[in-house]
Every structure is written in structure tokens, then in C-alpha cells.
Amino acid sequence: MNASRWAVSAALCASLGFAATASAADEGWYIVGFAGEAGAQNINQGDLDQNVSDVFGSVGLTIVDATSTLDDSDTGFGLAGGYQVNRNFAAELAYVDLGETSYTANGTVTDGVGTFDAGLGLDQSASGPVFSILGIVPIGERFSVFGRLGLALMSVDADVSVSIDGESASDSASTDRSNMVYGIGGEFSFGQRFGLRLSWDRYAEVGSDDLAGEVDIDLISLGLRYNFD
């Protein structure tokens, strides 16, 4: 009889222990560090080439020949703090750096009399805080998929430099504006404290027309999650 009672008590304690572990995984505070590749999706090198032609044309110069390069991807990274309300919903506040987009053009221009070496460079970077809501669908004990919807306040900085016949000038501008964020991802939990996350997020219409224009930026990242509870 005593052995039977001990067995029942042990089984009850074990079930309560497992229930407590599951509850801790379903709700509570956590942090996520993540990094990956950020890429501008709707930027056109031909349009930028035309803009360069217009810039030199505005000061009476015509492009004789030129080459250009566009680097529309960079390393993106961030750090997020979140609270998981239950198995299906969480809220996160993050700081995200989406890296830099760079464009350069070099060649020769003419004023109708002589020809000169000329060049133009444009660098645009974006970073800022992001608030988002996650809808979560658990699949089994350790894996889950999620969708993200949120709002970012991106600070965009643009630097422009122009050189003509050895003389150069530069200018910079910045703007802050809100941007919609949405994405999908999956997470694998190992242990009670840690999870590995893979996600794709789109930051819509980053930038402004008075800088280098608006672009959508995709961030594909790998993250590590740590649960406090």
C-alpha cells in the first residue's frame, strides 16, 4: 500500500512538474538577438543612372561615357525584447539596423568644349525601433511557426558626393518616418531557456522621395532566443 501511494504521489509530482515546465515555455519575458542579410527589393540601377545624367545635365554637363555599380544588400542585425502572452501570441520591441545601400558612378562629362573626369556616390542606411505582434502556431513540442505584423520608426541617412575634374563636394540628409513591417518565421526550442529562430521580414517603403527614394527592404535572419521564465 505504501509503495502504491508513493508511486501515485511520484506520478502526480512528475505531472505537475511537466505542467509547470510547459507553462513557463508558453508565457513570460524573453530576448532575441538576430543577424542576417538585408536587401533592397525595388531599387533600379537604370533609374539611378538616369538620375545621375539629370544631375550633371542640371549644371550644363553631358555624360560622354560612364560605368556604375549598385550594392543593394548588406548585413542587418538587431536585438529584441519580448513578452509571450500565451502559446499563440507575443509582443516584441526591437532595435534593428538594416545596413547600407551603396551606388557609385564614374566616367567623363563634357560641357561642349572640354571633357572632365566625374563621379557620383550615394550611400543610404536605415535603422530604428520596431514594435510588432507575433501570431504563433505550435507544431509539436519544440517547433513553432509565426507571423509578424508591426510598425517601425526608421531613421534614414543619405550621403551624396560628387566630383568633377578633381573638385569634389558632398551633402547629407536624414529623415524619420514610420514603416509597416510584416514577416514569417519558424522557431525550434532546445531546453527550457533557448530557441533558434529563422525569419523573413519586410520593411515597407523605407526612405523618402527627398533623399534617395523609397525602397522595400527584406531581412532574412537567424536569431537566438533566451527565455527568462
Protein backbone atom coordinates (compact mmCIF):
# COMPACT_ATOMS: atom_id res chain seq x y z
CA MET A 1 0.00 0.00 0.00
CA ASN A 2 2.75 2.42 0.91
CA ALA A 3 4.58 1.63 -2.31
CA SER A 4 1.39 2.27 -4.24
CA ARG A 5 0.90 5.61 -2.52
CA TRP A 6 4.47 6.62 -3.23
CA ALA A 7 4.03 5.70 -6.89
CA VAL A 8 0.84 7.76 -7.15
CA SER A 9 2.48 10.71 -5.38
CA ALA A 10 5.55 10.50 -7.58
CA ALA A 11 3.39 10.37 -10.72
CA LEU A 12 1.38 13.37 -9.52
CA CYS A 13 4.52 15.39 -8.73
CA ALA A 14 6.01 14.49 -12.10
CA SER A 15 2.86 15.56 -13.95
CA LEU A 16 2.78 18.84 -12.03
CA GLY A 17 6.46 19.37 -12.79
CA PHE A 18 5.94 18.84 -16.50
CA ALA A 19 2.90 21.12 -16.44
CA ALA A 20 4.94 23.86 -14.77
CA THR A 21 7.66 23.47 -17.40
CA ALA A 22 5.15 23.75 -20.24
CA SER A 23 3.55 26.81 -18.67
CA ALA A 24 6.93 28.52 -18.32
CA ALA A 25 7.62 27.93 -22.00
CA ASP A 26 4.21 29.27 -23.02
CA GLU A 27 4.43 32.69 -21.39
CA GLY A 28 6.96 35.15 -19.98
CA TRP A 29 9.72 37.57 -20.90
CA TYR A 30 12.49 36.81 -23.40
CA ILE A 31 15.18 38.42 -25.55
CA VAL A 32 16.24 37.62 -29.11
CA GLY A 33 19.48 38.58 -30.86
CA PHE A 34 19.45 38.17 -34.63
CA ALA A 35 21.53 38.88 -37.73
CA GLY A 36 21.39 38.13 -41.44
CA GLU A 37 21.21 39.66 -44.91
CA ALA A 38 19.22 42.82 -45.63
CA GLY A 39 18.43 43.58 -49.28
CA ALA A 40 16.62 46.39 -51.07
CA GLN A 41 13.99 44.87 -53.37
CA ASN A 42 12.62 47.58 -55.67
CA ILE A 43 15.66 49.70 -56.45
CA ASN A 44 16.55 50.02 -60.14
CA GLN A 45 20.11 50.70 -61.29
CA GLY A 46 18.90 52.09 -64.61
CA ASP A 47 16.75 54.67 -62.84
CA LEU A 48 19.72 55.71 -60.71
CA ASP A 49 21.86 56.05 -63.86
CA GLN A 50 19.22 58.35 -65.31
CA ASN A 51 19.19 60.40 -62.12
CA VAL A 52 22.96 60.86 -62.42
CA SER A 53 22.53 62.06 -66.00
CA ASP A 54 19.89 64.54 -64.83
CA VAL A 55 22.15 65.79 -62.03
CA PHE A 56 25.04 66.59 -64.39
CA GLY A 57 22.62 67.92 -67.00
CA SER A 58 21.25 70.42 -64.48
CA VAL A 59 24.67 72.14 -64.39
CA GLY A 60 25.18 72.05 -68.18
CA LEU A 61 27.23 68.86 -68.42
CA THR A 62 26.60 65.85 -70.66
CA ILE A 63 27.87 62.36 -69.85
CA VAL A 64 30.25 61.05 -72.53
CA ASP A 65 30.74 57.60 -71.02
CA ALA A 66 30.21 56.11 -67.57
CA THR A 67 30.04 52.92 -65.56
CA SER A 68 28.07 52.34 -62.37
CA THR A 69 27.75 49.79 -59.57
CA LEU A 70 24.92 49.12 -57.15
CA ASP A 71 25.31 47.21 -53.89
CA ASP A 72 21.76 46.67 -52.67
CA SER A 73 22.47 44.20 -49.83
CA ASP A 74 24.28 44.39 -46.52
CA THR A 75 24.39 42.75 -43.09
CA GLY A 76 21.34 43.51 -40.98
CA PHE A 77 21.06 42.82 -37.26
CA GLY A 78 19.01 43.62 -34.19
CA LEU A 79 18.10 42.93 -30.58
CA ALA A 80 14.54 42.40 -29.38
CA GLY A 81 12.84 42.11 -26.03
CA GLY A 82 9.50 40.35 -25.95
CA TYR A 83 6.69 39.00 -23.83
CA GLN A 84 4.87 35.83 -24.77
CA VAL A 85 1.26 36.21 -23.64
CA ASN A 86 0.33 32.58 -24.34
CA ARG A 87 1.13 29.80 -26.79
CA ASN A 88 -0.33 31.77 -29.69
CA PHE A 89 0.60 35.43 -29.17
CA ALA A 90 3.67 37.51 -28.28
CA ALA A 91 4.70 41.17 -28.47
CA GLU A 92 8.22 42.41 -29.26
CA LEU A 93 10.09 45.71 -29.13
CA ALA A 94 13.35 45.67 -31.09
CA TYR A 95 16.11 47.88 -32.41
CA VAL A 96 17.03 46.94 -35.98
CA ASP A 97 19.88 48.06 -38.25
CA LEU A 98 19.14 47.31 -41.92
CA GLY A 99 22.64 48.13 -43.16
CA GLU A 100 23.51 50.31 -46.14
CA THR A 101 22.71 50.56 -49.84
CA SER A 102 25.53 52.00 -51.99
CA TYR A 103 25.61 53.32 -55.55
CA THR A 104 28.60 54.73 -57.44
CA ALA A 105 29.04 56.08 -60.97
CA ASN A 106 32.29 57.14 -62.66
CA GLY A 107 33.09 58.39 -66.14
CA THR A 108 33.69 61.52 -68.21
CA VAL A 109 31.47 64.51 -68.91
CA THR A 110 31.64 67.42 -71.33
CA ASP A 111 30.48 71.00 -71.36
CA GLY A 112 30.67 71.12 -75.16
CA VAL A 113 34.24 72.44 -75.12
CA GLY A 114 36.31 70.11 -72.92
CA THR A 115 35.91 66.76 -71.18
CA PHE A 116 36.39 66.09 -67.49
CA ASP A 117 36.56 63.11 -65.16
CA ALA A 118 33.47 62.92 -62.98
CA GLY A 119 31.96 60.69 -60.35
CA LEU A 120 28.98 60.41 -58.02
CA GLY A 121 28.43 58.28 -54.92
CA LEU A 122 25.30 57.68 -52.87
CA ASP A 123 25.08 55.77 -49.56
CA GLN A 124 21.80 55.28 -47.71
CA SER A 125 21.39 53.49 -44.36
CA ALA A 126 18.36 52.74 -42.19
CA SER A 127 17.90 51.79 -38.55
CA GLY A 128 15.41 52.26 -35.75
CA PRO A 129 12.97 50.80 -33.23
CA VAL A 130 10.32 48.26 -34.24
CA PHE A 131 7.18 47.19 -32.38
CA SER A 132 5.43 44.05 -33.59
CA ILE A 133 2.84 41.43 -32.68
CA LEU A 134 3.50 37.74 -33.34
CA GLY A 135 0.83 35.17 -34.06
CA ILE A 136 2.24 31.74 -33.19
CA VAL A 137 1.20 28.22 -34.22
CA PRO A 138 2.97 25.44 -32.24
CA ILE A 139 3.82 22.30 -34.22
CA GLY A 140 4.75 19.52 -31.84
CA GLU A 141 6.59 20.06 -28.58
CA ARG A 142 9.61 22.01 -29.81
CA PHE A 143 8.80 23.67 -33.14
CA SER A 144 6.50 26.59 -33.97
CA VAL A 145 5.82 28.92 -36.89
CA PHE A 146 4.83 32.56 -36.56
CA GLY A 147 3.65 35.58 -38.49
CA ARG A 148 4.70 39.12 -37.68
CA LEU A 149 2.89 42.44 -38.12
CA GLY A 150 4.25 45.69 -36.77
CA LEU A 151 5.40 49.26 -37.13
CA ALA A 152 8.97 50.56 -37.45
CA LEU A 153 10.30 54.07 -36.99
CA MET A 154 13.21 54.05 -39.40
CA SER A 155 15.86 56.76 -39.30
CA VAL A 156 17.28 57.01 -42.83
CA ASP A 157 20.60 58.75 -43.53
CA ALA A 158 21.77 59.54 -47.06
CA ASP A 159 25.23 60.79 -48.05
CA VAL A 160 25.95 62.09 -51.57
CA SER A 161 29.33 63.02 -53.02
CA VAL A 162 30.07 64.47 -56.47
CA SER A 163 33.46 65.07 -58.10
CA ILE A 164 34.18 66.95 -61.36
CA ASP A 165 37.69 67.48 -62.75
CA GLY A 166 39.30 66.86 -59.36
CA GLU A 167 36.94 69.14 -57.44
CA SER A 168 34.51 67.44 -55.06
CA ALA A 169 31.51 68.34 -52.92
CA SER A 170 29.30 66.35 -50.59
CA ASP A 171 25.98 66.67 -48.82
CA SER A 172 23.90 64.62 -46.41
CA ALA A 173 20.29 64.43 -45.29
CA SER A 174 18.24 62.36 -42.87
CA THR A 175 14.60 61.65 -42.19
CA ASP A 176 12.48 59.74 -39.66
CA ARG A 177 9.25 58.10 -40.71
CA SER A 178 7.05 55.13 -39.80
CA ASN A 179 7.08 51.96 -41.90
CA MET A 180 4.95 48.83 -41.90
CA VAL A 181 6.74 45.59 -41.03
CA TYR A 182 5.47 42.09 -41.75
CA GLY A 183 7.04 38.66 -41.97
CA ILE A 184 7.03 34.95 -41.23
CA GLY A 185 9.38 32.58 -39.44
CA GLY A 186 9.95 29.40 -37.51
CA GLU A 187 11.49 28.61 -34.15
CA PHE A 188 12.98 25.46 -32.67
CA SER A 189 13.25 25.25 -28.87
CA PHE A 190 16.02 23.32 -27.16
CA GLY A 191 15.95 23.13 -23.41
CA GLN A 192 13.68 25.33 -21.35
CA ARG A 193 15.61 28.56 -21.92
CA PHE A 194 16.77 28.65 -25.52
CA GLY A 195 15.31 28.73 -29.02
CA LEU A 196 16.74 29.05 -32.53
CA ARG A 197 14.76 31.28 -34.90
CA LEU A 198 14.81 31.72 -38.69
CA SER A 199 12.71 34.56 -40.11
CA TRP A 200 11.97 36.72 -43.12
CA ASP A 201 10.75 40.27 -42.50
CA ARG A 202 9.87 43.05 -44.93
CA TYR A 203 10.24 46.73 -44.03
CA ALA A 204 8.00 48.58 -46.48
CA GLU A 205 8.74 51.92 -48.17
CA VAL A 206 11.89 52.77 -46.24
CA GLY A 207 13.33 56.20 -47.11
CA SER A 208 11.68 59.23 -48.68
CA ASP A 209 11.46 60.97 -52.03
CA ASP A 210 13.62 63.89 -50.87
CA LEU A 211 16.52 61.50 -50.22
CA ALA A 212 17.17 58.52 -52.48
CA GLY A 213 13.57 57.38 -52.84
CA GLU A 214 11.54 54.70 -51.09
CA VAL A 215 12.60 51.04 -51.12
CA ASP A 216 11.31 47.84 -49.55
CA ILE A 217 13.99 46.09 -47.51
CA ASP A 218 13.87 42.37 -46.75
CA LEU A 219 15.77 40.96 -43.78
CA ILE A 220 16.45 37.22 -43.69
CA SER A 221 17.92 36.48 -40.28
CA LEU A 222 18.94 33.77 -37.84
CA GLY A 223 18.28 34.50 -34.19
CA LEU A 224 18.89 33.06 -30.74
CA ARG A 225 16.17 33.41 -28.12
CA TYR A 226 16.62 33.29 -24.35
CA ASN A 227 13.63 32.88 -22.02
CA PHE A 228 13.83 34.49 -18.61
CA ASP A 229 10.95 32.50 -17.10
